[in-house]
Every structure is written in structure tokens, then in C-alpha cells.
Amino acid sequence: MSRQGRSASWRVEPARLRDLVKFDAQGLVPAVIQDARSKRVLTLCYLNRDALDRSLQEGKVYVFRRSQQRLMLKGETSGHIQIIREVRLDCEGKSLVFMVFQHVAACHTGYASCYFRILASDGNVLVKERKLFKPEAVYRKP
């Protein structure tokens, strides 16, 4: 299910994939979001049927925010959207991988990936990356 190019023209009829996906008891399926160029894991999110359908129809990642019990476009507040390049399904249909072109950064804390912390051999947690944006400037509270 891949398509070449960088535009948001990647789209698939949702029923073709939805029938293969095994949603859990809460109606969710985990999805790893991975950068299509660097292959770096950006984040892990959950999709319900609506999020999967919208993602496949529009070619942008939609997620189900468990904390808010709502569907949202990844990057709807920040503008840091994820354009789908490829979707992979695991052998049992219990998880997905979305290969994406990431605009700016995937993590709401300002880093390129949510996996910016490294556990060192001495047990310390290190940050060896720089922030790409200031969250307080992007996520202003009214």
C-alpha cells in the first residue's frame, strides 16, 4: 500500500484495510508512526475505526485521543501534520505502522520524536537532542 511522491495524494478505500484490522475491546488498534525518510520511530498512538477511515481517506494521520475521548488530526493544534506514505499491517492485524512525512516535529514537547530520551548504561536518562520548537509558543492557552 505505498505510493511515491511527497504530496497528500496517498489515499486508500478504508474497507480494504479495516476488514483486516483486529481492534481491541475498546475499539482501538495501536499504530507506530515512523518517519519515511530516516525510518526513525516518531510516536505510538491509537486509532479507532473513524481515525483509521479518515487517515486512509485523507492521507493524513488521525488518532483517537484516549485522554479526551475524541478523534483528532495529528498536528491539528500545532500544524505539525503527518502525511502518510505507506501503511503496514502486522501478521495478525493487531497493530499498524504508518510511514509518514513529518512536518516540523511529532512530539508536543518540541522534539522531532517522542523518543528523545535515552537510558544510559549507568541508569541515567539523557536528552541528546535539541528542541525544534517551543511548546509554549505553539500551544498557547486562552
N, C-alpha and C. Protein backbone atom coordinates (compact mmCIF):
# COMPACT_ATOMS: atom_id res chain seq x y z
N MET A 1 0.81 -1.18 0.00
CA MET A 1 0.00 0.00 0.00
C MET A 1 0.85 1.24 0.00
N SER A 2 1.80 1.34 -0.86
CA SER A 2 2.63 2.53 -0.87
C SER A 2 2.42 3.32 -2.15
N ARG A 3 2.87 4.55 -2.10
CA ARG A 3 2.76 5.43 -3.25
C ARG A 3 3.95 6.39 -3.21
N GLN A 4 4.53 6.64 -4.32
CA GLN A 4 5.69 7.52 -4.38
C GLN A 4 5.26 8.98 -4.33
N GLY A 5 6.21 9.86 -4.00
CA GLY A 5 5.94 11.28 -4.00
C GLY A 5 5.75 11.83 -2.61
N ARG A 6 5.62 13.16 -2.50
CA ARG A 6 5.52 13.81 -1.20
C ARG A 6 4.21 14.53 -0.99
N SER A 7 3.31 14.50 -1.95
CA SER A 7 2.04 15.21 -1.79
C SER A 7 1.10 14.40 -0.91
N ALA A 8 -0.01 15.02 -0.54
CA ALA A 8 -1.00 14.36 0.29
C ALA A 8 -1.97 13.55 -0.56
N SER A 9 -1.53 13.03 -1.70
CA SER A 9 -2.41 12.33 -2.61
C SER A 9 -2.56 10.85 -2.29
N TRP A 10 -1.88 10.37 -1.25
CA TRP A 10 -1.97 8.96 -0.87
C TRP A 10 -3.31 8.72 -0.21
N ARG A 11 -4.11 7.85 -0.81
CA ARG A 11 -5.42 7.53 -0.25
C ARG A 11 -5.77 6.10 -0.60
N VAL A 12 -6.49 5.45 0.31
CA VAL A 12 -6.93 4.07 0.10
C VAL A 12 -8.36 3.96 0.59
N GLU A 13 -9.15 3.14 -0.08
CA GLU A 13 -10.51 2.88 0.39
C GLU A 13 -10.40 2.17 1.75
N PRO A 14 -10.97 2.76 2.83
CA PRO A 14 -10.80 2.21 4.17
C PRO A 14 -11.24 0.76 4.34
N ALA A 15 -12.28 0.34 3.68
CA ALA A 15 -12.79 -1.02 3.86
C ALA A 15 -11.75 -2.07 3.51
N ARG A 16 -10.86 -1.77 2.60
CA ARG A 16 -9.83 -2.74 2.19
C ARG A 16 -8.90 -3.10 3.35
N LEU A 17 -8.60 -2.15 4.23
CA LEU A 17 -7.73 -2.41 5.37
C LEU A 17 -8.53 -2.71 6.63
N ARG A 18 -9.61 -1.97 6.84
CA ARG A 18 -10.39 -2.10 8.06
C ARG A 18 -10.80 -3.55 8.34
N ASP A 19 -11.13 -4.30 7.31
CA ASP A 19 -11.55 -5.69 7.49
C ASP A 19 -10.40 -6.59 7.97
N LEU A 20 -9.17 -6.16 7.79
CA LEU A 20 -8.01 -6.95 8.22
C LEU A 20 -7.52 -6.58 9.62
N VAL A 21 -7.97 -5.42 10.12
CA VAL A 21 -7.50 -4.92 11.42
C VAL A 21 -8.35 -5.52 12.54
N LYS A 22 -7.67 -5.97 13.59
CA LYS A 22 -8.35 -6.52 14.76
C LYS A 22 -8.29 -5.46 15.87
N PHE A 23 -9.37 -4.73 16.04
CA PHE A 23 -9.45 -3.72 17.09
C PHE A 23 -9.60 -4.41 18.44
N ASP A 24 -9.07 -3.80 19.51
CA ASP A 24 -9.16 -4.40 20.84
C ASP A 24 -10.56 -4.19 21.43
N ALA A 25 -10.74 -4.58 22.70
CA ALA A 25 -12.05 -4.50 23.35
C ALA A 25 -12.57 -3.07 23.45
N GLN A 26 -11.67 -2.08 23.45
CA GLN A 26 -12.07 -0.67 23.48
C GLN A 26 -12.27 -0.10 22.07
N GLY A 27 -12.11 -0.94 21.06
CA GLY A 27 -12.29 -0.50 19.67
C GLY A 27 -11.08 0.23 19.12
N LEU A 28 -9.90 -0.05 19.68
CA LEU A 28 -8.67 0.65 19.28
C LEU A 28 -7.64 -0.31 18.73
N VAL A 29 -6.74 0.24 17.90
CA VAL A 29 -5.58 -0.51 17.40
C VAL A 29 -4.36 0.41 17.56
N PRO A 30 -3.24 -0.12 18.11
CA PRO A 30 -2.04 0.71 18.24
C PRO A 30 -1.38 0.89 16.87
N ALA A 31 -0.80 2.08 16.70
CA ALA A 31 -0.10 2.39 15.46
C ALA A 31 1.22 3.09 15.77
N VAL A 32 2.29 2.52 15.25
CA VAL A 32 3.60 3.15 15.34
C VAL A 32 3.69 4.13 14.18
N ILE A 33 4.11 5.36 14.47
CA ILE A 33 4.29 6.37 13.43
C ILE A 33 5.79 6.51 13.22
N GLN A 34 6.23 6.30 11.97
CA GLN A 34 7.65 6.25 11.66
C GLN A 34 7.95 7.21 10.52
N ASP A 35 9.08 7.89 10.59
CA ASP A 35 9.50 8.81 9.54
C ASP A 35 9.88 8.02 8.29
N ALA A 36 9.29 8.35 7.17
CA ALA A 36 9.51 7.62 5.91
C ALA A 36 10.94 7.78 5.40
N ARG A 37 11.57 8.91 5.70
CA ARG A 37 12.94 9.14 5.21
C ARG A 37 13.98 8.52 6.12
N SER A 38 13.95 8.86 7.39
CA SER A 38 15.00 8.42 8.32
C SER A 38 14.71 7.05 8.93
N LYS A 39 13.47 6.61 8.85
CA LYS A 39 12.99 5.35 9.47
C LYS A 39 12.93 5.44 10.99
N ARG A 40 13.09 6.62 11.53
CA ARG A 40 13.03 6.82 12.98
C ARG A 40 11.59 6.72 13.47
N VAL A 41 11.40 6.05 14.61
CA VAL A 41 10.08 5.99 15.22
C VAL A 41 9.78 7.36 15.83
N LEU A 42 8.63 7.91 15.47
CA LEU A 42 8.24 9.23 15.96
C LEU A 42 7.34 9.15 17.17
N THR A 43 6.36 8.27 17.15
CA THR A 43 5.43 8.15 18.26
C THR A 43 4.62 6.87 18.14
N LEU A 44 3.88 6.58 19.18
CA LEU A 44 2.92 5.49 19.20
C LEU A 44 1.56 6.10 19.52
N CYS A 45 0.56 5.76 18.76
CA CYS A 45 -0.77 6.30 19.01
C CYS A 45 -1.80 5.20 18.84
N TYR A 46 -3.05 5.54 19.07
CA TYR A 46 -4.14 4.58 18.92
C TYR A 46 -5.17 5.14 17.96
N LEU A 47 -5.72 4.25 17.16
CA LEU A 47 -6.75 4.63 16.20
C LEU A 47 -8.00 3.81 16.47
N ASN A 48 -9.15 4.47 16.40
CA ASN A 48 -10.40 3.74 16.37
C ASN A 48 -10.80 3.63 14.90
N ARG A 49 -11.96 3.07 14.63
CA ARG A 49 -12.37 2.88 13.23
C ARG A 49 -12.47 4.21 12.48
N ASP A 50 -13.02 5.23 13.15
CA ASP A 50 -13.14 6.54 12.50
C ASP A 50 -11.77 7.14 12.17
N ALA A 51 -10.82 7.02 13.11
CA ALA A 51 -9.48 7.57 12.87
C ALA A 51 -8.81 6.83 11.72
N LEU A 52 -8.97 5.52 11.66
CA LEU A 52 -8.39 4.74 10.56
C LEU A 52 -9.02 5.15 9.23
N ASP A 53 -10.34 5.26 9.20
CA ASP A 53 -11.03 5.65 7.97
C ASP A 53 -10.58 7.02 7.48
N ARG A 54 -10.56 8.01 8.38
CA ARG A 54 -10.16 9.37 7.99
C ARG A 54 -8.71 9.41 7.52
N SER A 55 -7.84 8.67 8.23
CA SER A 55 -6.43 8.63 7.83
C SER A 55 -6.28 8.09 6.42
N LEU A 56 -6.96 7.00 6.14
CA LEU A 56 -6.85 6.38 4.82
C LEU A 56 -7.51 7.22 3.73
N GLN A 57 -8.60 7.87 4.04
CA GLN A 57 -9.31 8.69 3.06
C GLN A 57 -8.57 9.98 2.73
N GLU A 58 -7.95 10.59 3.75
CA GLU A 58 -7.33 11.91 3.57
C GLU A 58 -5.82 11.87 3.39
N GLY A 59 -5.18 10.75 3.73
CA GLY A 59 -3.74 10.66 3.57
C GLY A 59 -2.96 11.38 4.65
N LYS A 60 -3.63 11.72 5.77
CA LYS A 60 -3.00 12.36 6.93
C LYS A 60 -3.38 11.53 8.15
N VAL A 61 -2.49 11.49 9.14
CA VAL A 61 -2.74 10.66 10.32
C VAL A 61 -3.76 11.32 11.25
N TYR A 62 -4.81 10.57 11.52
CA TYR A 62 -5.80 10.92 12.54
C TYR A 62 -5.64 9.92 13.66
N VAL A 63 -5.84 10.35 14.90
CA VAL A 63 -5.70 9.47 16.06
C VAL A 63 -6.93 9.61 16.95
N PHE A 64 -7.09 8.63 17.83
CA PHE A 64 -8.12 8.72 18.85
C PHE A 64 -7.42 9.08 20.15
N ARG A 65 -7.71 10.25 20.68
CA ARG A 65 -7.11 10.72 21.93
C ARG A 65 -7.85 10.08 23.09
N ARG A 66 -7.25 9.09 23.69
CA ARG A 66 -7.90 8.37 24.79
C ARG A 66 -8.18 9.30 25.97
N SER A 67 -7.26 10.21 26.25
CA SER A 67 -7.43 11.11 27.39
C SER A 67 -8.60 12.07 27.22
N GLN A 68 -8.92 12.38 25.95
CA GLN A 68 -10.02 13.31 25.67
C GLN A 68 -11.23 12.62 25.04
N GLN A 69 -11.09 11.33 24.78
CA GLN A 69 -12.16 10.54 24.16
C GLN A 69 -12.68 11.20 22.89
N ARG A 70 -11.71 11.57 22.01
CA ARG A 70 -12.12 12.20 20.75
C ARG A 70 -11.13 11.92 19.63
N LEU A 71 -11.64 12.03 18.43
CA LEU A 71 -10.85 11.90 17.21
C LEU A 71 -10.14 13.22 16.95
N MET A 72 -8.88 13.17 16.51
CA MET A 72 -8.18 14.41 16.16
C MET A 72 -7.17 14.14 15.06
N LEU A 73 -6.94 15.16 14.25
CA LEU A 73 -5.87 15.14 13.26
C LEU A 73 -4.57 15.33 14.01
N LYS A 74 -3.61 14.44 13.81
CA LYS A 74 -2.30 14.61 14.45
C LYS A 74 -1.70 15.91 13.94
N GLY A 75 -1.45 16.83 14.85
CA GLY A 75 -0.92 18.13 14.48
C GLY A 75 -1.98 19.19 14.26
N GLU A 76 -3.22 18.92 14.65
CA GLU A 76 -4.29 19.90 14.38
C GLU A 76 -4.07 21.22 15.10
N THR A 77 -3.45 21.20 16.27
CA THR A 77 -3.19 22.44 17.01
C THR A 77 -1.89 23.10 16.55
N SER A 78 -0.85 22.30 16.40
CA SER A 78 0.48 22.82 16.08
C SER A 78 0.70 23.06 14.58
N GLY A 79 -0.06 22.35 13.75
CA GLY A 79 0.19 22.39 12.31
C GLY A 79 1.24 21.39 11.88
N HIS A 80 1.74 20.60 12.81
CA HIS A 80 2.80 19.62 12.54
C HIS A 80 2.18 18.30 12.10
N ILE A 81 1.56 18.31 10.95
CA ILE A 81 0.81 17.15 10.47
C ILE A 81 1.74 16.06 9.94
N GLN A 82 1.16 14.89 9.76
CA GLN A 82 1.90 13.74 9.25
C GLN A 82 1.22 13.26 7.97
N ILE A 83 1.96 13.32 6.87
CA ILE A 83 1.45 12.90 5.56
C ILE A 83 1.83 11.43 5.35
N ILE A 84 0.84 10.60 5.13
CA ILE A 84 1.07 9.16 5.00
C ILE A 84 1.72 8.81 3.67
N ARG A 85 2.76 7.99 3.73
CA ARG A 85 3.43 7.48 2.55
C ARG A 85 3.18 5.98 2.38
N GLU A 86 3.00 5.28 3.49
CA GLU A 86 2.80 3.84 3.43
C GLU A 86 2.16 3.39 4.74
N VAL A 87 1.35 2.35 4.66
CA VAL A 87 0.75 1.74 5.85
C VAL A 87 1.12 0.27 5.85
N ARG A 88 1.60 -0.19 7.00
CA ARG A 88 1.95 -1.60 7.16
C ARG A 88 1.07 -2.21 8.25
N LEU A 89 0.71 -3.45 8.04
CA LEU A 89 -0.15 -4.19 8.95
C LEU A 89 0.62 -5.39 9.47
N ASP A 90 0.60 -5.62 10.79
CA ASP A 90 1.33 -6.78 11.31
C ASP A 90 0.65 -8.08 10.91
N CYS A 91 1.32 -9.19 11.16
CA CYS A 91 0.88 -10.52 10.69
C CYS A 91 -0.48 -10.93 11.22
N GLU A 92 -0.87 -10.42 12.39
CA GLU A 92 -2.16 -10.80 12.97
C GLU A 92 -3.21 -9.70 12.87
N GLY A 93 -2.84 -8.56 12.31
CA GLY A 93 -3.79 -7.45 12.19
C GLY A 93 -4.02 -6.70 13.49
N LYS A 94 -3.10 -6.86 14.45
CA LYS A 94 -3.28 -6.25 15.76
C LYS A 94 -2.55 -4.93 15.95
N SER A 95 -1.76 -4.51 14.97
CA SER A 95 -1.07 -3.22 15.04
C SER A 95 -0.71 -2.76 13.63
N LEU A 96 -0.47 -1.45 13.54
CA LEU A 96 -0.14 -0.82 12.26
C LEU A 96 1.15 -0.03 12.38
N VAL A 97 1.78 0.19 11.24
CA VAL A 97 2.90 1.14 11.15
C VAL A 97 2.54 2.11 10.03
N PHE A 98 2.59 3.39 10.34
CA PHE A 98 2.39 4.43 9.34
C PHE A 98 3.74 5.05 9.03
N MET A 99 4.17 4.96 7.79
CA MET A 99 5.38 5.64 7.34
C MET A 99 4.91 7.00 6.85
N VAL A 100 5.47 8.07 7.41
CA VAL A 100 4.97 9.42 7.14
C VAL A 100 6.07 10.40 6.80
N PHE A 101 5.65 11.50 6.16
CA PHE A 101 6.48 12.69 6.07
C PHE A 101 5.99 13.58 7.19
N GLN A 102 6.86 13.87 8.14
CA GLN A 102 6.52 14.67 9.31
C GLN A 102 6.81 16.14 9.05
N HIS A 103 5.83 17.00 9.28
CA HIS A 103 6.04 18.44 9.22
C HIS A 103 6.52 18.91 10.59
N VAL A 104 7.67 19.50 10.67
CA VAL A 104 8.35 20.04 11.85
C VAL A 104 8.69 18.95 12.86
N ALA A 105 7.79 18.60 13.77
CA ALA A 105 8.10 17.65 14.84
C ALA A 105 6.86 16.85 15.23
N ALA A 106 7.08 15.65 15.74
CA ALA A 106 5.97 14.79 16.13
C ALA A 106 5.59 14.94 17.60
N CYS A 107 6.53 15.35 18.43
CA CYS A 107 6.30 15.39 19.88
C CYS A 107 5.81 16.77 20.33
N HIS A 108 4.79 16.78 21.16
CA HIS A 108 4.24 18.04 21.66
C HIS A 108 5.19 18.77 22.60
N THR A 109 6.28 18.10 23.03
CA THR A 109 7.26 18.76 23.90
C THR A 109 8.31 19.53 23.11
N GLY A 110 8.23 19.46 21.76
CA GLY A 110 9.15 20.23 20.93
C GLY A 110 10.21 19.43 20.21
N TYR A 111 10.30 18.14 20.50
CA TYR A 111 11.32 17.30 19.88
C TYR A 111 10.79 16.63 18.61
N ALA A 112 11.70 16.21 17.75
CA ALA A 112 11.32 15.55 16.50
C ALA A 112 10.53 14.28 16.75
N SER A 113 10.91 13.53 17.77
CA SER A 113 10.28 12.26 18.11
C SER A 113 9.90 12.27 19.59
N CYS A 114 8.89 11.52 19.94
CA CYS A 114 8.54 11.35 21.35
C CYS A 114 9.60 10.53 22.08
N TYR A 115 10.48 9.89 21.32
CA TYR A 115 11.53 9.04 21.89
C TYR A 115 12.87 9.79 21.87
N PHE A 116 12.91 10.92 22.56
CA PHE A 116 14.10 11.76 22.59
C PHE A 116 14.97 11.50 23.82
N ARG A 117 14.49 10.68 24.75
CA ARG A 117 15.26 10.38 25.96
C ARG A 117 15.95 9.02 25.80
N ILE A 118 17.18 8.95 26.27
CA ILE A 118 17.98 7.73 26.14
C ILE A 118 18.35 7.25 27.53
N LEU A 119 18.15 5.96 27.78
CA LEU A 119 18.57 5.36 29.04
C LEU A 119 20.03 4.95 28.89
N ALA A 120 20.90 5.59 29.67
CA ALA A 120 22.34 5.29 29.64
C ALA A 120 22.63 4.03 30.43
N SER A 121 23.80 3.44 30.20
CA SER A 121 24.18 2.20 30.89
C SER A 121 24.31 2.38 32.40
N ASP A 122 24.49 3.62 32.86
CA ASP A 122 24.58 3.87 34.30
C ASP A 122 23.21 4.12 34.93
N GLY A 123 22.15 4.02 34.12
CA GLY A 123 20.79 4.19 34.63
C GLY A 123 20.24 5.59 34.52
N ASN A 124 21.09 6.55 34.13
CA ASN A 124 20.61 7.92 33.95
C ASN A 124 19.84 8.06 32.65
N VAL A 125 18.90 8.98 32.64
CA VAL A 125 18.14 9.28 31.43
C VAL A 125 18.70 10.57 30.85
N LEU A 126 19.12 10.49 29.59
CA LEU A 126 19.77 11.62 28.93
C LEU A 126 18.93 12.15 27.78
N VAL A 127 19.04 13.44 27.55
CA VAL A 127 18.45 14.07 26.37
C VAL A 127 19.61 14.57 25.53
N LYS A 128 19.76 14.02 24.32
CA LYS A 128 20.88 14.39 23.46
C LYS A 128 20.39 15.02 22.16
N GLU A 129 19.22 15.63 22.21
CA GLU A 129 18.65 16.28 21.04
C GLU A 129 18.29 17.71 21.39
N ARG A 130 18.11 18.49 20.35
CA ARG A 130 17.65 19.85 20.58
C ARG A 130 16.17 19.93 20.20
N LYS A 131 15.48 20.84 20.87
CA LYS A 131 14.08 21.06 20.56
C LYS A 131 13.97 21.76 19.21
N LEU A 132 12.94 21.41 18.46
CA LEU A 132 12.71 22.04 17.16
C LEU A 132 11.74 23.22 17.25
N PHE A 133 10.98 23.26 18.35
CA PHE A 133 10.08 24.39 18.56
C PHE A 133 9.81 24.53 20.05
N LYS A 134 9.30 25.69 20.44
CA LYS A 134 8.97 25.95 21.84
C LYS A 134 7.49 25.66 22.05
N PRO A 135 7.16 24.65 22.83
CA PRO A 135 5.76 24.28 23.03
C PRO A 135 4.90 25.43 23.54
N GLU A 136 5.44 26.25 24.43
CA GLU A 136 4.65 27.36 24.98
C GLU A 136 4.25 28.38 23.92
N ALA A 137 5.00 28.45 22.84
CA ALA A 137 4.65 29.36 21.75
C ALA A 137 3.60 28.75 20.82
N VAL A 138 3.59 27.43 20.73
CA VAL A 138 2.66 26.74 19.83
C VAL A 138 1.34 26.42 20.50
N TYR A 139 1.39 26.01 21.77
CA TYR A 139 0.19 25.58 22.48
C TYR A 139 -0.19 26.64 23.53
N ARG A 140 -0.51 27.81 23.07
CA ARG A 140 -0.91 28.89 23.98
C ARG A 140 -2.29 28.60 24.55
N LYS A 141 -2.43 28.86 25.84
CA LYS A 141 -3.73 28.71 26.48
C LYS A 141 -4.44 30.04 26.43
N PRO A 142 -5.75 30.01 26.16
CA PRO A 142 -6.51 31.29 26.07
C PRO A 142 -6.58 32.00 27.39
